[in-house]
ModelCIF file with pLDDT and N, C-alpha, C, O atoms, coordinates in Angstrom:
data_MODEL
#
_entry.id   MODEL 
#
_entity.id                         1 
_entity.type                       polymer 
_entity.pdbx_number_of_molecules   1 
#
_entity_poly.entity_id                      1 
_entity_poly.type                           'polypeptide(L)' 
_entity_poly.nstd_linkage                   no 
_entity_poly.nstd_monomer                   no 
_entity_poly.pdbx_seq_one_letter_code       
;(UNK)(UNK)(UNK)(UNK)(UNK)(UNK)(UNK)(UNK)(UNK)(UNK)(UNK)(UNK)(UNK)(UNK)(UNK)(UNK)
(UNK)(UNK)(UNK)(UNK)(UNK)(UNK)(UNK)(UNK)(UNK)(UNK)(UNK)(UNK)(UNK)(UNK)(UNK)
;
_entity_poly.pdbx_seq_one_letter_code_can   XXXXXXXXXXXXXXXXXXXXXXXXXXXXXXX 
_entity_poly.pdbx_strand_id                 A 
#
loop_
_entity_poly_seq.entity_id 
_entity_poly_seq.num 
_entity_poly_seq.mon_id 
_entity_poly_seq.hetero 
1 1  UNK n 
1 2  UNK n 
1 3  UNK n 
1 4  UNK n 
1 5  UNK n 
1 6  UNK n 
1 7  UNK n 
1 8  UNK n 
1 9  UNK n 
1 10 UNK n 
1 11 UNK n 
1 12 UNK n 
1 13 UNK n 
1 14 UNK n 
1 15 UNK n 
1 16 UNK n 
1 17 UNK n 
1 18 UNK n 
1 19 UNK n 
1 20 UNK n 
1 21 UNK n 
1 22 UNK n 
1 23 UNK n 
1 24 UNK n 
1 25 UNK n 
1 26 UNK n 
1 27 UNK n 
1 28 UNK n 
1 29 UNK n 
1 30 UNK n 
1 31 UNK n 
#
_struct_asym.id          A 
_struct_asym.entity_id   1 
#
loop_
_ma_qa_metric.id 
_ma_qa_metric.mode 
_ma_qa_metric.name 
_ma_qa_metric.software_group_id 
_ma_qa_metric.type 
1 global pLDDT . pLDDT 
2 local  pLDDT . pLDDT 
#
_ma_qa_metric_global.metric_id      1 
_ma_qa_metric_global.metric_value   90.06 
_ma_qa_metric_global.model_id       1 
_ma_qa_metric_global.ordinal_id     1 
#
loop_
_ma_qa_metric_local.label_asym_id 
_ma_qa_metric_local.label_comp_id 
_ma_qa_metric_local.label_seq_id 
_ma_qa_metric_local.metric_id 
_ma_qa_metric_local.metric_value 
_ma_qa_metric_local.model_id 
_ma_qa_metric_local.ordinal_id 
A UNK 1  2 95.00 1 1  
A UNK 2  2 96.00 1 2  
A UNK 3  2 96.00 1 3  
A UNK 4  2 97.00 1 4  
A UNK 5  2 98.00 1 5  
A UNK 6  2 97.00 1 6  
A UNK 7  2 97.00 1 7  
A UNK 8  2 97.00 1 8  
A UNK 9  2 96.00 1 9  
A UNK 10 2 93.00 1 10 
A UNK 11 2 93.00 1 11 
A UNK 12 2 93.00 1 12 
A UNK 13 2 88.00 1 13 
A UNK 14 2 84.00 1 14 
A UNK 15 2 86.00 1 15 
A UNK 16 2 84.00 1 16 
A UNK 17 2 79.00 1 17 
A UNK 18 2 76.00 1 18 
A UNK 19 2 82.00 1 19 
A UNK 20 2 86.00 1 20 
A UNK 21 2 87.00 1 21 
A UNK 22 2 87.00 1 22 
A UNK 23 2 87.00 1 23 
A UNK 24 2 84.00 1 24 
A UNK 25 2 85.00 1 25 
A UNK 26 2 89.00 1 26 
A UNK 27 2 92.00 1 27 
A UNK 28 2 89.00 1 28 
A UNK 29 2 91.00 1 29 
A UNK 30 2 94.00 1 30 
A UNK 31 2 94.00 1 31 
#
loop_
_atom_site.group_PDB 
_atom_site.id 
_atom_site.type_symbol 
_atom_site.label_atom_id 
_atom_site.label_alt_id 
_atom_site.label_comp_id 
_atom_site.label_asym_id 
_atom_site.label_entity_id 
_atom_site.label_seq_id 
_atom_site.pdbx_PDB_ins_code 
_atom_site.Cartn_x 
_atom_site.Cartn_y 
_atom_site.Cartn_z 
_atom_site.occupancy 
_atom_site.B_iso_or_equiv 
_atom_site.pdbx_formal_charge 
_atom_site.auth_seq_id 
_atom_site.auth_comp_id 
_atom_site.auth_asym_id 
_atom_site.auth_atom_id 
_atom_site.pdbx_PDB_model_num 
ATOM 1   N N  . UNK A 1 1  ? 0.853   -1.193 0.000   1.00 95.00 ? 1  UNK A N  1 
ATOM 2   C CA . UNK A 1 1  ? 0.000   0.000  0.000   1.00 95.00 ? 1  UNK A CA 1 
ATOM 3   C C  . UNK A 1 1  ? 0.887   1.241  0.000   1.00 95.00 ? 1  UNK A C  1 
ATOM 4   O O  . UNK A 1 1  ? 1.685   1.438  0.917   1.00 95.00 ? 1  UNK A O  1 
ATOM 5   N N  . UNK A 1 2  ? 0.750   2.065  -1.015  1.00 96.00 ? 2  UNK A N  1 
ATOM 6   C CA . UNK A 1 2  ? 1.501   3.317  -1.110  1.00 96.00 ? 2  UNK A CA 1 
ATOM 7   C C  . UNK A 1 2  ? 0.661   4.464  -0.561  1.00 96.00 ? 2  UNK A C  1 
ATOM 8   O O  . UNK A 1 2  ? -0.560  4.352  -0.452  1.00 96.00 ? 2  UNK A O  1 
ATOM 9   N N  . UNK A 1 3  ? 1.321   5.565  -0.217  1.00 96.00 ? 3  UNK A N  1 
ATOM 10  C CA . UNK A 1 3  ? 0.613   6.699  0.370   1.00 96.00 ? 3  UNK A CA 1 
ATOM 11  C C  . UNK A 1 3  ? 1.247   8.010  -0.066  1.00 96.00 ? 3  UNK A C  1 
ATOM 12  O O  . UNK A 1 3  ? 2.436   8.071  -0.378  1.00 96.00 ? 3  UNK A O  1 
ATOM 13  N N  . UNK A 1 4  ? 0.439   9.045  -0.081  1.00 97.00 ? 4  UNK A N  1 
ATOM 14  C CA . UNK A 1 4  ? 0.905   10.417 -0.266  1.00 97.00 ? 4  UNK A CA 1 
ATOM 15  C C  . UNK A 1 4  ? 0.095   11.322 0.646   1.00 97.00 ? 4  UNK A C  1 
ATOM 16  O O  . UNK A 1 4  ? -0.953  10.930 1.161   1.00 97.00 ? 4  UNK A O  1 
ATOM 17  N N  . UNK A 1 5  ? 0.596   12.544 0.839   1.00 98.00 ? 5  UNK A N  1 
ATOM 18  C CA . UNK A 1 5  ? -0.063  13.499 1.734   1.00 98.00 ? 5  UNK A CA 1 
ATOM 19  C C  . UNK A 1 5  ? -0.111  14.872 1.089   1.00 98.00 ? 5  UNK A C  1 
ATOM 20  O O  . UNK A 1 5  ? 0.564   15.134 0.093   1.00 98.00 ? 5  UNK A O  1 
ATOM 21  N N  . UNK A 1 6  ? -0.926  15.748 1.678   1.00 97.00 ? 6  UNK A N  1 
ATOM 22  C CA . UNK A 1 6  ? -0.989  17.135 1.235   1.00 97.00 ? 6  UNK A CA 1 
ATOM 23  C C  . UNK A 1 6  ? -1.498  17.282 -0.182  1.00 97.00 ? 6  UNK A C  1 
ATOM 24  O O  . UNK A 1 6  ? -2.357  16.512 -0.611  1.00 97.00 ? 6  UNK A O  1 
ATOM 25  N N  . UNK A 1 7  ? -0.980  18.269 -0.926  1.00 97.00 ? 7  UNK A N  1 
ATOM 26  C CA . UNK A 1 7  ? -1.436  18.479 -2.297  1.00 97.00 ? 7  UNK A CA 1 
ATOM 27  C C  . UNK A 1 7  ? -1.101  17.302 -3.214  1.00 97.00 ? 7  UNK A C  1 
ATOM 28  O O  . UNK A 1 7  ? -1.751  17.106 -4.241  1.00 97.00 ? 7  UNK A O  1 
ATOM 29  N N  . UNK A 1 8  ? -0.092  16.525 -2.842  1.00 97.00 ? 8  UNK A N  1 
ATOM 30  C CA . UNK A 1 8  ? 0.247   15.323 -3.612  1.00 97.00 ? 8  UNK A CA 1 
ATOM 31  C C  . UNK A 1 8  ? -0.853  14.279 -3.460  1.00 97.00 ? 8  UNK A C  1 
ATOM 32  O O  . UNK A 1 8  ? -1.169  13.565 -4.412  1.00 97.00 ? 8  UNK A O  1 
ATOM 33  N N  . UNK A 1 9  ? -1.434  14.188 -2.275  1.00 96.00 ? 9  UNK A N  1 
ATOM 34  C CA . UNK A 1 9  ? -2.552  13.268 -2.059  1.00 96.00 ? 9  UNK A CA 1 
ATOM 35  C C  . UNK A 1 9  ? -3.763  13.684 -2.873  1.00 96.00 ? 9  UNK A C  1 
ATOM 36  O O  . UNK A 1 9  ? -4.445  12.848 -3.467  1.00 96.00 ? 9  UNK A O  1 
ATOM 37  N N  . UNK A 1 10 ? -4.026  14.994 -2.895  1.00 93.00 ? 10 UNK A N  1 
ATOM 38  C CA . UNK A 1 10 ? -5.147  15.504 -3.675  1.00 93.00 ? 10 UNK A CA 1 
ATOM 39  C C  . UNK A 1 10 ? -4.952  15.192 -5.154  1.00 93.00 ? 10 UNK A C  1 
ATOM 40  O O  . UNK A 1 10 ? -5.878  14.735 -5.825  1.00 93.00 ? 10 UNK A O  1 
ATOM 41  N N  . UNK A 1 11 ? -3.751  15.438 -5.658  1.00 93.00 ? 11 UNK A N  1 
ATOM 42  C CA . UNK A 1 11 ? -3.462  15.202 -7.076  1.00 93.00 ? 11 UNK A CA 1 
ATOM 43  C C  . UNK A 1 11 ? -3.630  13.728 -7.427  1.00 93.00 ? 11 UNK A C  1 
ATOM 44  O O  . UNK A 1 11 ? -4.178  13.398 -8.479  1.00 93.00 ? 11 UNK A O  1 
ATOM 45  N N  . UNK A 1 12 ? -3.162  12.842 -6.550  1.00 93.00 ? 12 UNK A N  1 
ATOM 46  C CA . UNK A 1 12 ? -3.282  11.406 -6.792  1.00 93.00 ? 12 UNK A CA 1 
ATOM 47  C C  . UNK A 1 12 ? -4.752  10.989 -6.831  1.00 93.00 ? 12 UNK A C  1 
ATOM 48  O O  . UNK A 1 12 ? -5.171  10.219 -7.695  1.00 93.00 ? 12 UNK A O  1 
ATOM 49  N N  . UNK A 1 13 ? -5.524  11.512 -5.880  1.00 88.00 ? 13 UNK A N  1 
ATOM 50  C CA . UNK A 1 13 ? -6.938  11.151 -5.805  1.00 88.00 ? 13 UNK A CA 1 
ATOM 51  C C  . UNK A 1 13 ? -7.714  11.660 -7.018  1.00 88.00 ? 13 UNK A C  1 
ATOM 52  O O  . UNK A 1 13 ? -8.525  10.934 -7.593  1.00 88.00 ? 13 UNK A O  1 
ATOM 53  N N  . UNK A 1 14 ? -7.463  12.899 -7.397  1.00 84.00 ? 14 UNK A N  1 
ATOM 54  C CA . UNK A 1 14 ? -8.192  13.481 -8.524  1.00 84.00 ? 14 UNK A CA 1 
ATOM 55  C C  . UNK A 1 14 ? -7.903  12.717 -9.810  1.00 84.00 ? 14 UNK A C  1 
ATOM 56  O O  . UNK A 1 14 ? -8.785  12.569 -10.656 1.00 84.00 ? 14 UNK A O  1 
ATOM 57  N N  . UNK A 1 15 ? -6.658  12.225 -9.963  1.00 86.00 ? 15 UNK A N  1 
ATOM 58  C CA . UNK A 1 15 ? -6.297  11.523 -11.192 1.00 86.00 ? 15 UNK A CA 1 
ATOM 59  C C  . UNK A 1 15 ? -6.819  10.085 -11.213 1.00 86.00 ? 15 UNK A C  1 
ATOM 60  O O  . UNK A 1 15 ? -7.230  9.586  -12.260 1.00 86.00 ? 15 UNK A O  1 
ATOM 61  N N  . UNK A 1 16 ? -6.800  9.417  -10.047 1.00 84.00 ? 16 UNK A N  1 
ATOM 62  C CA . UNK A 1 16 ? -7.223  8.014  -9.998  1.00 84.00 ? 16 UNK A CA 1 
ATOM 63  C C  . UNK A 1 16 ? -8.198  7.778  -8.840  1.00 84.00 ? 16 UNK A C  1 
ATOM 64  O O  . UNK A 1 16 ? -7.874  7.024  -7.923  1.00 84.00 ? 16 UNK A O  1 
ATOM 65  N N  . UNK A 1 17 ? -9.375  8.396  -8.855  1.00 79.00 ? 17 UNK A N  1 
ATOM 66  C CA . UNK A 1 17 ? -10.289 8.293  -7.706  1.00 79.00 ? 17 UNK A CA 1 
ATOM 67  C C  . UNK A 1 17 ? -10.771 6.877  -7.429  1.00 79.00 ? 17 UNK A C  1 
ATOM 68  O O  . UNK A 1 17 ? -10.954 6.511  -6.268  1.00 79.00 ? 17 UNK A O  1 
ATOM 69  N N  . UNK A 1 18 ? -10.984 6.066  -8.472  1.00 76.00 ? 18 UNK A N  1 
ATOM 70  C CA . UNK A 1 18 ? -11.548 4.740  -8.252  1.00 76.00 ? 18 UNK A CA 1 
ATOM 71  C C  . UNK A 1 18 ? -10.586 3.803  -7.530  1.00 76.00 ? 18 UNK A C  1 
ATOM 72  O O  . UNK A 1 18 ? -11.022 2.860  -6.871  1.00 76.00 ? 18 UNK A O  1 
ATOM 73  N N  . UNK A 1 19 ? -9.284  4.052  -7.646  1.00 82.00 ? 19 UNK A N  1 
ATOM 74  C CA . UNK A 1 19 ? -8.320  3.139  -7.038  1.00 82.00 ? 19 UNK A CA 1 
ATOM 75  C C  . UNK A 1 19 ? -7.737  3.626  -5.729  1.00 82.00 ? 19 UNK A C  1 
ATOM 76  O O  . UNK A 1 19 ? -6.815  3.007  -5.197  1.00 82.00 ? 19 UNK A O  1 
ATOM 77  N N  . UNK A 1 20 ? -8.250  4.712  -5.203  1.00 86.00 ? 20 UNK A N  1 
ATOM 78  C CA . UNK A 1 20 ? -7.652  5.334  -4.012  1.00 86.00 ? 20 UNK A CA 1 
ATOM 79  C C  . UNK A 1 20 ? -8.587  5.293  -2.809  1.00 86.00 ? 20 UNK A C  1 
ATOM 80  O O  . UNK A 1 20 ? -9.799  5.124  -2.936  1.00 86.00 ? 20 UNK A O  1 
ATOM 81  N N  . UNK A 1 21 ? -7.985  5.451  -1.650  1.00 87.00 ? 21 UNK A N  1 
ATOM 82  C CA . UNK A 1 21 ? -8.724  5.738  -0.419  1.00 87.00 ? 21 UNK A CA 1 
ATOM 83  C C  . UNK A 1 21 ? -8.203  7.081  0.083   1.00 87.00 ? 21 UNK A C  1 
ATOM 84  O O  . UNK A 1 21 ? -7.024  7.214  0.412   1.00 87.00 ? 21 UNK A O  1 
ATOM 85  N N  . UNK A 1 22 ? -9.077  8.060  0.136   1.00 87.00 ? 22 UNK A N  1 
ATOM 86  C CA . UNK A 1 22 ? -8.678  9.429  0.449   1.00 87.00 ? 22 UNK A CA 1 
ATOM 87  C C  . UNK A 1 22 ? -9.234  9.828  1.812   1.00 87.00 ? 22 UNK A C  1 
ATOM 88  O O  . UNK A 1 22 ? -10.415 9.620  2.089   1.00 87.00 ? 22 UNK A O  1 
ATOM 89  N N  . UNK A 1 23 ? -8.383  10.401 2.662   1.00 87.00 ? 23 UNK A N  1 
ATOM 90  C CA . UNK A 1 23 ? -8.786  10.851 3.991   1.00 87.00 ? 23 UNK A CA 1 
ATOM 91  C C  . UNK A 1 23 ? -8.414  12.309 4.162   1.00 87.00 ? 23 UNK A C  1 
ATOM 92  O O  . UNK A 1 23 ? -7.277  12.701 3.902   1.00 87.00 ? 23 UNK A O  1 
ATOM 93  N N  . UNK A 1 24 ? -9.360  13.105 4.594   1.00 84.00 ? 24 UNK A N  1 
ATOM 94  C CA . UNK A 1 24 ? -9.099  14.514 4.893   1.00 84.00 ? 24 UNK A CA 1 
ATOM 95  C C  . UNK A 1 24 ? -9.692  14.836 6.257   1.00 84.00 ? 24 UNK A C  1 
ATOM 96  O O  . UNK A 1 24 ? -10.629 14.185 6.719   1.00 84.00 ? 24 UNK A O  1 
ATOM 97  N N  . UNK A 1 25 ? -9.122  15.858 6.889   1.00 85.00 ? 25 UNK A N  1 
ATOM 98  C CA . UNK A 1 25 ? -9.620  16.324 8.190   1.00 85.00 ? 25 UNK A CA 1 
ATOM 99  C C  . UNK A 1 25 ? -9.553  15.219 9.242   1.00 85.00 ? 25 UNK A C  1 
ATOM 100 O O  . UNK A 1 25 ? -10.401 15.175 10.133  1.00 85.00 ? 25 UNK A O  1 
ATOM 101 N N  . UNK A 1 26 ? -8.562  14.321 9.158   1.00 89.00 ? 26 UNK A N  1 
ATOM 102 C CA . UNK A 1 26 ? -8.492  13.245 10.142  1.00 89.00 ? 26 UNK A CA 1 
ATOM 103 C C  . UNK A 1 26 ? -8.158  13.759 11.540  1.00 89.00 ? 26 UNK A C  1 
ATOM 104 O O  . UNK A 1 26 ? -8.364  13.047 12.524  1.00 89.00 ? 26 UNK A O  1 
ATOM 105 N N  . UNK A 1 27 ? -7.647  14.982 11.640  1.00 92.00 ? 27 UNK A N  1 
ATOM 106 C CA . UNK A 1 27 ? -7.418  15.577 12.962  1.00 92.00 ? 27 UNK A CA 1 
ATOM 107 C C  . UNK A 1 27 ? -8.705  15.647 13.765  1.00 92.00 ? 27 UNK A C  1 
ATOM 108 O O  . UNK A 1 27 ? -8.671  15.605 14.995  1.00 92.00 ? 27 UNK A O  1 
ATOM 109 N N  . UNK A 1 28 ? -9.844  15.754 13.083  1.00 89.00 ? 28 UNK A N  1 
ATOM 110 C CA . UNK A 1 28 ? -11.123 15.943 13.775  1.00 89.00 ? 28 UNK A CA 1 
ATOM 111 C C  . UNK A 1 28 ? -11.530 14.734 14.606  1.00 89.00 ? 28 UNK A C  1 
ATOM 112 O O  . UNK A 1 28 ? -12.447 14.841 15.421  1.00 89.00 ? 28 UNK A O  1 
ATOM 113 N N  . UNK A 1 29 ? -10.871 13.574 14.425  1.00 91.00 ? 29 UNK A N  1 
ATOM 114 C CA . UNK A 1 29 ? -11.211 12.400 15.236  1.00 91.00 ? 29 UNK A CA 1 
ATOM 115 C C  . UNK A 1 29 ? -10.179 12.138 16.326  1.00 91.00 ? 29 UNK A C  1 
ATOM 116 O O  . UNK A 1 29 ? -10.246 11.104 16.991  1.00 91.00 ? 29 UNK A O  1 
ATOM 117 N N  . UNK A 1 30 ? -9.234  13.041 16.526  1.00 94.00 ? 30 UNK A N  1 
ATOM 118 C CA . UNK A 1 30 ? -8.166  12.819 17.512  1.00 94.00 ? 30 UNK A CA 1 
ATOM 119 C C  . UNK A 1 30 ? -8.716  12.572 18.907  1.00 94.00 ? 30 UNK A C  1 
ATOM 120 O O  . UNK A 1 30 ? -8.178  11.750 19.649  1.00 94.00 ? 30 UNK A O  1 
ATOM 121 N N  . UNK A 1 31 ? -9.778  13.271 19.271  1.00 94.00 ? 31 UNK A N  1 
ATOM 122 C CA . UNK A 1 31 ? -10.339 13.168 20.621  1.00 94.00 ? 31 UNK A CA 1 
ATOM 123 C C  . UNK A 1 31 ? -11.607 12.340 20.673  1.00 94.00 ? 31 UNK A C  1 
ATOM 124 O O  . UNK A 1 31 ? -12.189 12.167 21.744  1.00 94.00 ? 31 UNK A O  1 
#
């Protein structure tokens, strides 16, 4: 399983949405 973060994660997801798992705002579950 490969991973990217930040704008690189966005770019990867936008180009290949069907093959990705995208997570945003994961800080909101810290507590």
